Amino acid sequence: QVQLAESGGGLVQAGGSLRLSCAASGSISSSNPMAWYRQSPGKQRELVAVTAGGTSNYATSVKGRFTISRDNAKNMVYLQMNSLKPEDTAVYYCNLDHFGANYWGQGTQVTVSS
């Protein structure tokens, strides 16, 4: 059984930084893509960043500000968020593609004040 648990959200002023963490439990392979999504009120959930096979991709809106990283030995994935903007306010979700089956964490709230 795969489970994901996010942590690290909170309230930060515009221009500040936060680091989100996601702990994955279960039989995880380093080849399983892991990603961060976010969802704001009234909007669809959107992909923020994904890492797989040593490569990473980012949404245009966060490129250059956010960095996704992964520690396969610890089954952890991180999202370092710098130069935060009010429009980054959302619930951030960790996602794992486990051999075709999608798993989600419970989400962590990130609020950026102007």
PDB file of N, CA and C in Angstrom:
ATOM      1  N   GLN A   1       0.851  -1.181   0.000  1.00  0.00           N
ATOM      2  CA  GLN A   1       0.000   0.000   0.000  1.00  0.00           C
ATOM      3  C   GLN A   1       0.893   1.239   0.000  1.00  0.00           C
ATOM      4  N   VAL A   2       0.682   2.105  -0.986  1.00  0.00           N
ATOM      5  CA  VAL A   2       1.468   3.334  -1.099  1.00  0.00           C
ATOM      6  C   VAL A   2       0.742   4.463  -0.391  1.00  0.00           C
ATOM      7  N   GLN A   3       1.466   5.218   0.373  1.00  0.00           N
ATOM      8  CA  GLN A   3       0.903   6.395   1.038  1.00  0.00           C
ATOM      9  C   GLN A   3       1.877   7.559   0.890  1.00  0.00           C
ATOM     10  N   LEU A   4       1.301   8.749   0.757  1.00  0.00           N
ATOM     11  CA  LEU A   4       2.089   9.969   0.624  1.00  0.00           C
ATOM     12  C   LEU A   4       1.658  10.952   1.707  1.00  0.00           C
ATOM     13  N   ALA A   5       2.634  11.645   2.267  1.00  0.00           N
ATOM     14  CA  ALA A   5       2.333  12.628   3.311  1.00  0.00           C
ATOM     15  C   ALA A   5       3.166  13.877   3.077  1.00  0.00           C
ATOM     16  N   GLU A   6       2.472  14.998   2.855  1.00  0.00           N
ATOM     17  CA  GLU A   6       3.162  16.259   2.626  1.00  0.00           C
ATOM     18  C   GLU A   6       3.334  17.018   3.948  1.00  0.00           C
ATOM     19  N   SER A   7       4.325  17.882   3.944  1.00  0.00           N
ATOM     20  CA  SER A   7       4.544  18.788   5.070  1.00  0.00           C
ATOM     21  C   SER A   7       5.301  20.009   4.570  1.00  0.00           C
ATOM     22  N   GLY A   8       5.298  21.059   5.381  1.00  0.00           N
ATOM     23  CA  GLY A   8       6.095  22.229   5.053  1.00  0.00           C
ATOM     24  C   GLY A   8       5.329  23.443   4.583  1.00  0.00           C
ATOM     25  N   GLY A   9       4.024  23.319   4.429  1.00  0.00           N
ATOM     26  CA  GLY A   9       3.246  24.477   4.004  1.00  0.00           C
ATOM     27  C   GLY A   9       3.155  25.511   5.113  1.00  0.00           C
ATOM     28  N   GLY A  10       2.590  26.663   4.771  1.00  0.00           N
ATOM     29  CA  GLY A  10       2.428  27.707   5.768  1.00  0.00           C
ATOM     30  C   GLY A  10       2.143  29.047   5.137  1.00  0.00           C
ATOM     31  N   LEU A  11       2.270  30.081   5.957  1.00  0.00           N
ATOM     32  CA  LEU A  11       2.035  31.458   5.528  1.00  0.00           C
ATOM     33  C   LEU A  11       3.376  32.151   5.359  1.00  0.00           C
ATOM     34  N   VAL A  12       3.557  32.803   4.229  1.00  0.00           N
ATOM     35  CA  VAL A  12       4.811  33.496   3.951  1.00  0.00           C
ATOM     36  C   VAL A  12       4.507  34.778   3.192  1.00  0.00           C
ATOM     37  N   GLN A  13       5.355  35.770   3.372  1.00  0.00           N
ATOM     38  CA  GLN A  13       5.180  37.019   2.632  1.00  0.00           C
ATOM     39  C   GLN A  13       5.697  36.873   1.202  1.00  0.00           C
ATOM     40  N   ALA A  14       5.164  37.671   0.329  1.00  0.00           N
ATOM     41  CA  ALA A  14       5.630  37.683  -1.062  1.00  0.00           C
ATOM     42  C   ALA A  14       7.140  37.921  -1.089  1.00  0.00           C
ATOM     43  N   GLY A  15       7.811  37.151  -1.944  1.00  0.00           N
ATOM     44  CA  GLY A  15       9.254  37.220  -2.029  1.00  0.00           C
ATOM     45  C   GLY A  15       9.970  36.214  -1.149  1.00  0.00           C
ATOM     46  N   GLY A  16       9.227  35.588  -0.257  1.00  0.00           N
ATOM     47  CA  GLY A  16       9.807  34.627   0.659  1.00  0.00           C
ATOM     48  C   GLY A  16       9.942  33.239   0.046  1.00  0.00           C
ATOM     49  N   SER A  17      10.359  32.300   0.894  1.00  0.00           N
ATOM     50  CA  SER A  17      10.609  30.929   0.449  1.00  0.00           C
ATOM     51  C   SER A  17       9.952  29.924   1.385  1.00  0.00           C
ATOM     52  N   LEU A  18       9.640  28.789   0.826  1.00  0.00           N
ATOM     53  CA  LEU A  18       9.154  27.642   1.586  1.00  0.00           C
ATOM     54  C   LEU A  18       9.706  26.383   0.941  1.00  0.00           C
ATOM     55  N   ARG A  19       9.838  25.357   1.760  1.00  0.00           N
ATOM     56  CA  ARG A  19      10.247  24.051   1.239  1.00  0.00           C
ATOM     57  C   ARG A  19       9.210  23.030   1.648  1.00  0.00           C
ATOM     58  N   LEU A  20       8.601  22.408   0.651  1.00  0.00           N
ATOM     59  CA  LEU A  20       7.631  21.349   0.893  1.00  0.00           C
ATOM     60  C   LEU A  20       8.343  20.002   0.834  1.00  0.00           C
ATOM     61  N   SER A  21       7.873  19.092   1.664  1.00  0.00           N
ATOM     62  CA  SER A  21       8.411  17.733   1.681  1.00  0.00           C
ATOM     63  C   SER A  21       7.271  16.748   1.497  1.00  0.00           C
ATOM     64  N   CYS A  22       7.585  15.633   0.871  1.00  0.00           N
ATOM     65  CA  CYS A  22       6.606  14.564   0.689  1.00  0.00           C
ATOM     66  C   CYS A  22       7.294  13.245   0.997  1.00  0.00           C
ATOM     67  N   ALA A  23       6.755  12.540   1.972  1.00  0.00           N
ATOM     68  CA  ALA A  23       7.290  11.239   2.342  1.00  0.00           C
ATOM     69  C   ALA A  23       6.407  10.154   1.742  1.00  0.00           C
ATOM     70  N   ALA A  24       7.026   9.255   1.008  1.00  0.00           N
ATOM     71  CA  ALA A  24       6.307   8.148   0.385  1.00  0.00           C
ATOM     72  C   ALA A  24       6.622   6.859   1.129  1.00  0.00           C
ATOM     73  N   SER A  25       5.579   6.094   1.413  1.00  0.00           N
ATOM     74  CA  SER A  25       5.770   4.797   2.051  1.00  0.00           C
ATOM     75  C   SER A  25       5.236   3.714   1.131  1.00  0.00           C
ATOM     76  N   GLY A  26       5.783   2.531   1.267  1.00  0.00           N
ATOM     77  CA  GLY A  26       5.391   1.443   0.387  1.00  0.00           C
ATOM     78  C   GLY A  26       6.537   1.070  -0.530  1.00  0.00           C
ATOM     79  N   SER A  27       6.241   0.240  -1.492  1.00  0.00           N
ATOM     80  CA  SER A  27       7.262  -0.236  -2.413  1.00  0.00           C
ATOM     81  C   SER A  27       7.416   0.757  -3.568  1.00  0.00           C
ATOM     82  N   ILE A  28       8.353   1.691  -3.408  1.00  0.00           N
ATOM     83  CA  ILE A  28       8.547   2.761  -4.379  1.00  0.00           C
ATOM     84  C   ILE A  28       9.793   2.482  -5.194  1.00  0.00           C
ATOM     85  N   SER A  29       9.679   2.691  -6.498  1.00  0.00           N
ATOM     86  CA  SER A  29      10.839   2.558  -7.373  1.00  0.00           C
ATOM     87  C   SER A  29      11.332   3.945  -7.769  1.00  0.00           C
ATOM     88  N   SER A  30      12.635   4.070  -7.918  1.00  0.00           N
ATOM     89  CA  SER A  30      13.195   5.351  -8.353  1.00  0.00           C
ATOM     90  C   SER A  30      12.725   5.718  -9.759  1.00  0.00           C
ATOM     91  N   SER A  31      12.194   4.752 -10.480  1.00  0.00           N
ATOM     92  CA  SER A  31      11.686   5.031 -11.824  1.00  0.00           C
ATOM     93  C   SER A  31      10.250   5.558 -11.811  1.00  0.00           C
ATOM     94  N   ASN A  32       9.591   5.499 -10.662  1.00  0.00           N
ATOM     95  CA  ASN A  32       8.231   6.025 -10.565  1.00  0.00           C
ATOM     96  C   ASN A  32       8.269   7.556 -10.579  1.00  0.00           C
ATOM     97  N   PRO A  33       7.586   8.184 -11.528  1.00  0.00           N
ATOM     98  CA  PRO A  33       7.555   9.654 -11.519  1.00  0.00           C
ATOM     99  C   PRO A  33       6.879  10.186 -10.262  1.00  0.00           C
ATOM    100  N   MET A  34       7.441  11.255  -9.736  1.00  0.00           N
ATOM    101  CA  MET A  34       6.828  11.949  -8.606  1.00  0.00           C
ATOM    102  C   MET A  34       6.674  13.411  -8.970  1.00  0.00           C
ATOM    103  N   ALA A  35       5.600  13.997  -8.489  1.00  0.00           N
ATOM    104  CA  ALA A  35       5.265  15.348  -8.928  1.00  0.00           C
ATOM    105  C   ALA A  35       4.603  16.140  -7.803  1.00  0.00           C
ATOM    106  N   TRP A  36       4.594  17.446  -8.001  1.00  0.00           N
ATOM    107  CA  TRP A  36       3.819  18.355  -7.165  1.00  0.00           C
ATOM    108  C   TRP A  36       2.749  19.015  -8.027  1.00  0.00           C
ATOM    109  N   TYR A  37       1.541  19.023  -7.510  1.00  0.00           N
ATOM    110  CA  TYR A  37       0.426  19.738  -8.120  1.00  0.00           C
ATOM    111  C   TYR A  37      -0.055  20.785  -7.119  1.00  0.00           C
ATOM    112  N   ARG A  38      -0.868  21.700  -7.609  1.00  0.00           N
ATOM    113  CA  ARG A  38      -1.500  22.659  -6.702  1.00  0.00           C
ATOM    114  C   ARG A  38      -2.902  22.976  -7.200  1.00  0.00           C
ATOM    115  N   GLN A  39      -3.732  23.398  -6.259  1.00  0.00           N
ATOM    116  CA  GLN A  39      -5.114  23.751  -6.592  1.00  0.00           C
ATOM    117  C   GLN A  39      -5.528  24.943  -5.762  1.00  0.00           C
ATOM    118  N   SER A  40      -5.978  25.980  -6.463  1.00  0.00           N
ATOM    119  CA  SER A  40      -6.510  27.177  -5.818  1.00  0.00           C
ATOM    120  C   SER A  40      -8.029  27.115  -5.852  1.00  0.00           C
ATOM    121  N   PRO A  41      -8.712  27.827  -4.949  1.00  0.00           N
ATOM    122  CA  PRO A  41     -10.188  27.809  -4.936  1.00  0.00           C
ATOM    123  C   PRO A  41     -10.754  28.217  -6.295  1.00  0.00           C
ATOM    124  N   GLY A  42     -11.670  27.404  -6.799  1.00  0.00           N
ATOM    125  CA  GLY A  42     -12.321  27.710  -8.056  1.00  0.00           C
ATOM    126  C   GLY A  42     -11.507  27.363  -9.287  1.00  0.00           C
ATOM    127  N   LYS A  43     -10.331  26.789  -9.091  1.00  0.00           N
ATOM    128  CA  LYS A  43      -9.480  26.441 -10.232  1.00  0.00           C
ATOM    129  C   LYS A  43      -9.216  24.947 -10.260  1.00  0.00           C
ATOM    130  N   GLN A  44      -8.839  24.467 -11.437  1.00  0.00           N
ATOM    131  CA  GLN A  44      -8.488  23.057 -11.561  1.00  0.00           C
ATOM    132  C   GLN A  44      -7.105  22.798 -10.980  1.00  0.00           C
ATOM    133  N   ARG A  45      -6.898  21.577 -10.558  1.00  0.00           N
ATOM    134  CA  ARG A  45      -5.582  21.184 -10.069  1.00  0.00           C
ATOM    135  C   ARG A  45      -4.608  21.246 -11.243  1.00  0.00           C
ATOM    136  N   GLU A  46      -3.434  21.832 -10.993  1.00  0.00           N
ATOM    137  CA  GLU A  46      -2.459  21.991 -12.068  1.00  0.00           C
ATOM    138  C   GLU A  46      -1.109  21.409 -11.666  1.00  0.00           C
ATOM    139  N   LEU A  47      -0.398  20.916 -12.662  1.00  0.00           N
ATOM    140  CA  LEU A  47       0.927  20.379 -12.436  1.00  0.00           C
ATOM    141  C   LEU A  47       1.905  21.520 -12.206  1.00  0.00           C
ATOM    142  N   VAL A  48       2.699  21.396 -11.154  1.00  0.00           N
ATOM    143  CA  VAL A  48       3.710  22.396 -10.838  1.00  0.00           C
ATOM    144  C   VAL A  48       5.083  21.916 -11.291  1.00  0.00           C
ATOM    145  N   ALA A  49       5.427  20.699 -10.909  1.00  0.00           N
ATOM    146  CA  ALA A  49       6.740  20.159 -11.248  1.00  0.00           C
ATOM    147  C   ALA A  49       6.694  18.641 -11.172  1.00  0.00           C
ATOM    148  N   VAL A  50       7.514  17.993 -11.990  1.00  0.00           N
ATOM    149  CA  VAL A  50       7.566  16.528 -12.005  1.00  0.00           C
ATOM    150  C   VAL A  50       9.015  16.099 -12.180  1.00  0.00           C
ATOM    151  N   THR A  51       9.358  15.014 -11.531  1.00  0.00           N
ATOM    152  CA  THR A  51      10.697  14.461 -11.678  1.00  0.00           C
ATOM    153  C   THR A  51      10.604  12.977 -11.945  1.00  0.00           C
ATOM    154  N   ALA A  52      11.393  12.525 -12.941  1.00  0.00           N
ATOM    155  CA  ALA A  52      11.390  11.119 -13.305  1.00  0.00           C
ATOM    156  C   ALA A  52      12.675  10.817 -14.056  1.00  0.00           C
ATOM    157  N   GLY A  53      13.290   9.705 -13.700  1.00  0.00           N
ATOM    158  CA  GLY A  53      14.485   9.292 -14.414  1.00  0.00           C
ATOM    159  C   GLY A  53      15.593  10.320 -14.417  1.00  0.00           C
ATOM    160  N   GLY A  54      15.670  11.114 -13.367  1.00  0.00           N
ATOM    161  CA  GLY A  54      16.736  12.099 -13.277  1.00  0.00           C
ATOM    162  C   GLY A  54      16.468  13.401 -13.983  1.00  0.00           C
ATOM    163  N   THR A  55      15.331  13.533 -14.615  1.00  0.00           N
ATOM    164  CA  THR A  55      14.978  14.787 -15.278  1.00  0.00           C
ATOM    165  C   THR A  55      13.782  15.423 -14.585  1.00  0.00           C
ATOM    166  N   SER A  56      13.670  16.730 -14.728  1.00  0.00           N
ATOM    167  CA  SER A  56      12.586  17.470 -14.108  1.00  0.00           C
ATOM    168  C   SER A  56      11.963  18.427 -15.108  1.00  0.00           C
ATOM    169  N   ASN A  57      10.685  18.663 -14.930  1.00  0.00           N
ATOM    170  CA  ASN A  57       9.978  19.637 -15.758  1.00  0.00           C
ATOM    171  C   ASN A  57       9.095  20.493 -14.871  1.00  0.00           C
ATOM    172  N   TYR A  58       8.888  21.725 -15.305  1.00  0.00           N
ATOM    173  CA  TYR A  58       8.169  22.697 -14.493  1.00  0.00           C
ATOM    174  C   TYR A  58       7.099  23.409 -15.300  1.00  0.00           C
ATOM    175  N   ALA A  59       6.066  23.820 -14.579  1.00  0.00           N
ATOM    176  CA  ALA A  59       5.094  24.718 -15.185  1.00  0.00           C
ATOM    177  C   ALA A  59       5.793  26.038 -15.502  1.00  0.00           C
ATOM    178  N   THR A  60       5.364  26.663 -16.563  1.00  0.00           N
ATOM    179  CA  THR A  60       5.979  27.925 -16.969  1.00  0.00           C
ATOM    180  C   THR A  60       5.920  28.963 -15.852  1.00  0.00           C
ATOM    181  N   SER A  61       4.832  28.959 -15.110  1.00  0.00           N
ATOM    182  CA  SER A  61       4.621  29.967 -14.078  1.00  0.00           C
ATOM    183  C   SER A  61       5.598  29.865 -12.908  1.00  0.00           C
ATOM    184  N   VAL A  62       6.256  28.720 -12.752  1.00  0.00           N
ATOM    185  CA  VAL A  62       7.161  28.553 -11.607  1.00  0.00           C
ATOM    186  C   VAL A  62       8.601  28.335 -12.028  1.00  0.00           C
ATOM    187  N   LYS A  63       8.836  28.212 -13.316  1.00  0.00           N
ATOM    188  CA  LYS A  63      10.180  27.925 -13.809  1.00  0.00           C
ATOM    189  C   LYS A  63      11.142  29.035 -13.362  1.00  0.00           C
ATOM    190  N   GLY A  64      12.278  28.621 -12.829  1.00  0.00           N
ATOM    191  CA  GLY A  64      13.256  29.580 -12.342  1.00  0.00           C
ATOM    192  C   GLY A  64      13.066  29.980 -10.900  1.00  0.00           C
ATOM    193  N   ARG A  65      11.913  29.641 -10.325  1.00  0.00           N
ATOM    194  CA  ARG A  65      11.636  29.988  -8.921  1.00  0.00           C
ATOM    195  C   ARG A  65      11.527  28.736  -8.043  1.00  0.00           C
ATOM    196  N   PHE A  66      10.987  27.659  -8.603  1.00  0.00           N
ATOM    197  CA  PHE A  66      10.774  26.425  -7.860  1.00  0.00           C
ATOM    198  C   PHE A  66      11.757  25.360  -8.333  1.00  0.00           C
ATOM    199  N   THR A  67      12.147  24.496  -7.400  1.00  0.00           N
ATOM    200  CA  THR A  67      13.029  23.380  -7.727  1.00  0.00           C
ATOM    201  C   THR A  67      12.499  22.111  -7.079  1.00  0.00           C
ATOM    202  N   ILE A  68      12.291  21.089  -7.893  1.00  0.00           N
ATOM    203  CA  ILE A  68      11.876  19.789  -7.378  1.00  0.00           C
ATOM    204  C   ILE A  68      13.121  18.911  -7.230  1.00  0.00           C
ATOM    205  N   SER A  69      13.178  18.177  -6.144  1.00  0.00           N
ATOM    206  CA  SER A  69      14.300  17.267  -5.930  1.00  0.00           C
ATOM    207  C   SER A  69      13.786  16.004  -5.266  1.00  0.00           C
ATOM    208  N   ARG A  70      14.626  15.001  -5.292  1.00  0.00           N
ATOM    209  CA  ARG A  70      14.175  13.689  -4.831  1.00  0.00           C
ATOM    210  C   ARG A  70      15.329  12.971  -4.134  1.00  0.00           C
ATOM    211  N   ASP A  71      15.004  12.309  -3.052  1.00  0.00           N
ATOM    212  CA  ASP A  71      15.954  11.461  -2.353  1.00  0.00           C
ATOM    213  C   ASP A  71      15.410  10.043  -2.404  1.00  0.00           C
ATOM    214  N   ASN A  72      15.888   9.251  -3.345  1.00  0.00           N
ATOM    215  CA  ASN A  72      15.328   7.913  -3.549  1.00  0.00           C
ATOM    216  C   ASN A  72      15.611   6.989  -2.362  1.00  0.00           C
ATOM    217  N   ALA A  73      16.722   7.209  -1.695  1.00  0.00           N
ATOM    218  CA  ALA A  73      17.053   6.359  -0.548  1.00  0.00           C
ATOM    219  C   ALA A  73      16.056   6.543   0.581  1.00  0.00           C
ATOM    220  N   LYS A  74      15.500   7.750   0.691  1.00  0.00           N
ATOM    221  CA  LYS A  74      14.551   8.046   1.770  1.00  0.00           C
ATOM    222  C   LYS A  74      13.104   8.058   1.281  1.00  0.00           C
ATOM    223  N   ASN A  75      12.895   7.814  -0.019  1.00  0.00           N
ATOM    224  CA  ASN A  75      11.541   7.906  -0.594  1.00  0.00           C
ATOM    225  C   ASN A  75      10.919   9.267  -0.308  1.00  0.00           C
ATOM    226  N   MET A  76      11.703  10.308  -0.555  1.00  0.00           N
ATOM    227  CA  MET A  76      11.244  11.673  -0.313  1.00  0.00           C
ATOM    228  C   MET A  76      11.322  12.482  -1.605  1.00  0.00           C
ATOM    229  N   VAL A  77      10.388  13.398  -1.749  1.00  0.00           N
ATOM    230  CA  VAL A  77      10.457  14.386  -2.816  1.00  0.00           C
ATOM    231  C   VAL A  77      10.204  15.747  -2.185  1.00  0.00           C
ATOM    232  N   TYR A  78      10.911  16.740  -2.699  1.00  0.00           N
ATOM    233  CA  TYR A  78      10.854  18.080  -2.121  1.00  0.00           C
ATOM    234  C   TYR A  78      10.487  19.099  -3.193  1.00  0.00           C
ATOM    235  N   LEU A  79       9.953  20.210  -2.743  1.00  0.00           N
ATOM    236  CA  LEU A  79       9.713  21.338  -3.633  1.00  0.00           C
ATOM    237  C   LEU A  79      10.221  22.584  -2.931  1.00  0.00           C
ATOM    238  N   GLN A  80      11.343  23.106  -3.413  1.00  0.00           N
ATOM    239  CA  GLN A  80      11.869  24.355  -2.900  1.00  0.00           C
ATOM    240  C   GLN A  80      11.239  25.493  -3.677  1.00  0.00           C
ATOM    241  N   MET A  81      10.561  26.371  -2.968  1.00  0.00           N
ATOM    242  CA  MET A  81       9.836  27.464  -3.604  1.00  0.00           C
ATOM    243  C   MET A  81      10.439  28.786  -3.163  1.00  0.00           C
ATOM    244  N   ASN A  82      10.990  29.504  -4.106  1.00  0.00           N
ATOM    245  CA  ASN A  82      11.602  30.809  -3.844  1.00  0.00           C
ATOM    246  C   ASN A  82      10.838  31.908  -4.561  1.00  0.00           C
ATOM    247  N   SER A  83      11.078  33.128  -4.149  1.00  0.00           N
ATOM    248  CA  SER A  83      10.438  34.294  -4.776  1.00  0.00           C
ATOM    249  C   SER A  83       8.941  34.087  -4.907  1.00  0.00           C
ATOM    250  N   LEU A  84       8.339  33.658  -3.817  1.00  0.00           N
ATOM    251  CA  LEU A  84       6.911  33.338  -3.848  1.00  0.00           C
ATOM    252  C   LEU A  84       6.066  34.574  -4.135  1.00  0.00           C
ATOM    253  N   LYS A  85       4.970  34.321  -4.845  1.00  0.00           N
ATOM    254  CA  LYS A  85       4.033  35.374  -5.234  1.00  0.00           C
ATOM    255  C   LYS A  85       2.660  35.043  -4.663  1.00  0.00           C
ATOM    256  N   PRO A  86       1.814  36.052  -4.473  1.00  0.00           N
ATOM    257  CA  PRO A  86       0.454  35.760  -3.981  1.00  0.00           C
ATOM    258  C   PRO A  86      -0.291  34.743  -4.855  1.00  0.00           C
ATOM    259  N   GLU A  87      -0.020  34.745  -6.141  1.00  0.00           N
ATOM    260  CA  GLU A  87      -0.707  33.800  -7.015  1.00  0.00           C
ATOM    261  C   GLU A  87      -0.217  32.359  -6.845  1.00  0.00           C
ATOM    262  N   ASP A  88       0.813  32.154  -6.044  1.00  0.00           N
ATOM    263  CA  ASP A  88       1.250  30.797  -5.717  1.00  0.00           C
ATOM    264  C   ASP A  88       0.406  30.195  -4.578  1.00  0.00           C
ATOM    265  N   THR A  89      -0.452  30.997  -3.997  1.00  0.00           N
ATOM    266  CA  THR A  89      -1.309  30.507  -2.922  1.00  0.00           C
ATOM    267  C   THR A  89      -2.198  29.382  -3.426  1.00  0.00           C
ATOM    268  N   ALA A  90      -2.143  28.252  -2.738  1.00  0.00           N
ATOM    269  CA  ALA A  90      -2.896  27.067  -3.162  1.00  0.00           C
ATOM    270  C   ALA A  90      -2.666  25.950  -2.151  1.00  0.00           C
ATOM    271  N   VAL A  91      -3.431  24.891  -2.320  1.00  0.00           N
ATOM    272  CA  VAL A  91      -3.111  23.639  -1.640  1.00  0.00           C
ATOM    273  C   VAL A  91      -2.197  22.855  -2.574  1.00  0.00           C
ATOM    274  N   TYR A  92      -1.065  22.435  -2.041  1.00  0.00           N
ATOM    275  CA  TYR A  92      -0.075  21.712  -2.829  1.00  0.00           C
ATOM    276  C   TYR A  92      -0.167  20.223  -2.499  1.00  0.00           C
ATOM    277  N   TYR A  93      -0.207  19.420  -3.558  1.00  0.00           N
ATOM    278  CA  TYR A  93      -0.358  17.974  -3.419  1.00  0.00           C
ATOM    279  C   TYR A  93       0.849  17.253  -4.009  1.00  0.00           C
ATOM    280  N   CYS A  94       1.271  16.241  -3.319  1.00  0.00           N
ATOM    281  CA  CYS A  94       2.304  15.339  -3.821  1.00  0.00           C
ATOM    282  C   CYS A  94       1.613  14.222  -4.603  1.00  0.00           C
ATOM    283  N   ASN A  95       2.225  13.823  -5.688  1.00  0.00           N
ATOM    284  CA  ASN A  95       1.660  12.782  -6.544  1.00  0.00           C
ATOM    285  C   ASN A  95       2.732  11.766  -6.910  1.00  0.00           C
ATOM    286  N   LEU A  96       2.320  10.507  -6.913  1.00  0.00           N
ATOM    287  CA  LEU A  96       3.213   9.414  -7.327  1.00  0.00           C
ATOM    288  C   LEU A  96       2.511   8.589  -8.388  1.00  0.00           C
ATOM    289  N   ASP A  97       3.201   8.372  -9.493  1.00  0.00           N
ATOM    290  CA  ASP A  97       2.731   7.454 -10.529  1.00  0.00           C
ATOM    291  C   ASP A  97       3.408   6.106 -10.271  1.00  0.00           C
ATOM    292  N   HIS A  98       2.653   5.218  -9.674  1.00  0.00           N
ATOM    293  CA  HIS A  98       3.208   3.925  -9.240  1.00  0.00           C
ATOM    294  C   HIS A  98       2.810   2.872 -10.262  1.00  0.00           C
ATOM    295  N   PHE A  99       3.621   2.747 -11.290  1.00  0.00           N
ATOM    296  CA  PHE A  99       3.397   1.755 -12.344  1.00  0.00           C
ATOM    297  C   PHE A  99       1.989   1.892 -12.925  1.00  0.00           C
ATOM    298  N   GLY A 100       1.594   3.140 -13.160  1.00  0.00           N
ATOM    299  CA  GLY A 100       0.318   3.406 -13.791  1.00  0.00           C
ATOM    300  C   GLY A 100      -0.804   3.756 -12.838  1.00  0.00           C
ATOM    301  N   ALA A 101      -0.628   3.500 -11.564  1.00  0.00           N
ATOM    302  CA  ALA A 101      -1.634   3.868 -10.563  1.00  0.00           C
ATOM    303  C   ALA A 101      -1.213   5.169  -9.899  1.00  0.00           C
ATOM    304  N   ASN A 102      -2.159   6.105  -9.803  1.00  0.00           N
ATOM    305  CA  ASN A 102      -1.864   7.416  -9.234  1.00  0.00           C
ATOM    306  C   ASN A 102      -2.190   7.464  -7.748  1.00  0.00           C
ATOM    307  N   TYR A 103      -1.272   8.016  -6.980  1.00  0.00           N
ATOM    308  CA  TYR A 103      -1.487   8.200  -5.551  1.00  0.00           C
ATOM    309  C   TYR A 103      -1.287   9.677  -5.205  1.00  0.00           C
ATOM    310  N   TRP A 104      -2.085  10.135  -4.223  1.00  0.00           N
ATOM    311  CA  TRP A 104      -2.046  11.545  -3.818  1.00  0.00           C
ATOM    312  C   TRP A 104      -1.869  11.647  -2.306  1.00  0.00           C
ATOM    313  N   GLY A 105      -1.200  12.707  -1.898  1.00  0.00           N
ATOM    314  CA  GLY A 105      -1.169  13.044  -0.499  1.00  0.00           C
ATOM    315  C   GLY A 105      -2.417  13.836  -0.128  1.00  0.00           C
ATOM    316  N   GLN A 106      -2.484  14.233   1.147  1.00  0.00           N
ATOM    317  CA  GLN A 106      -3.657  14.951   1.636  1.00  0.00           C
ATOM    318  C   GLN A 106      -3.596  16.434   1.320  1.00  0.00           C
ATOM    319  N   GLY A 107      -2.429  16.911   0.922  1.00  0.00           N
ATOM    320  CA  GLY A 107      -2.265  18.314   0.563  1.00  0.00           C
ATOM    321  C   GLY A 107      -1.765  19.151   1.725  1.00  0.00           C
ATOM    322  N   THR A 108      -1.059  20.208   1.383  1.00  0.00           N
ATOM    323  CA  THR A 108      -0.581  21.157   2.386  1.00  0.00           C
ATOM    324  C   THR A 108      -0.819  22.573   1.864  1.00  0.00           C
ATOM    325  N   GLN A 109      -1.352  23.420   2.730  1.00  0.00           N
ATOM    326  CA  GLN A 109      -1.733  24.770   2.319  1.00  0.00           C
ATOM    327  C   GLN A 109      -0.514  25.689   2.285  1.00  0.00           C
ATOM    328  N   VAL A 110      -0.386  26.400   1.187  1.00  0.00           N
ATOM    329  CA  VAL A 110       0.617  27.455   1.068  1.00  0.00           C
ATOM    330  C   VAL A 110      -0.114  28.765   0.821  1.00  0.00           C
ATOM    331  N   THR A 111       0.126  29.737   1.678  1.00  0.00           N
ATOM    332  CA  THR A 111      -0.502  31.044   1.544  1.00  0.00           C
ATOM    333  C   THR A 111       0.582  32.111   1.460  1.00  0.00           C
ATOM    334  N   VAL A 112       0.532  32.893   0.399  1.00  0.00           N
ATOM    335  CA  VAL A 112       1.524  33.952   0.194  1.00  0.00           C
ATOM    336  C   VAL A 112       0.806  35.289   0.306  1.00  0.00           C
ATOM    337  N   SER A 113       1.199  36.077   1.275  1.00  0.00           N
ATOM    338  CA  SER A 113       0.561  37.376   1.485  1.00  0.00           C
ATOM    339  C   SER A 113       1.317  38.467   0.723  1.00  0.00           C
ATOM    340  N   SER A 114       0.551  39.447   0.278  1.00  0.00           N
ATOM    341  CA  SER A 114       1.172  40.545  -0.504  1.00  0.00           C
ATOM    342  C   SER A 114       1.650  41.674   0.393  1.00  0.00           C
TER     343      SER A 114
END
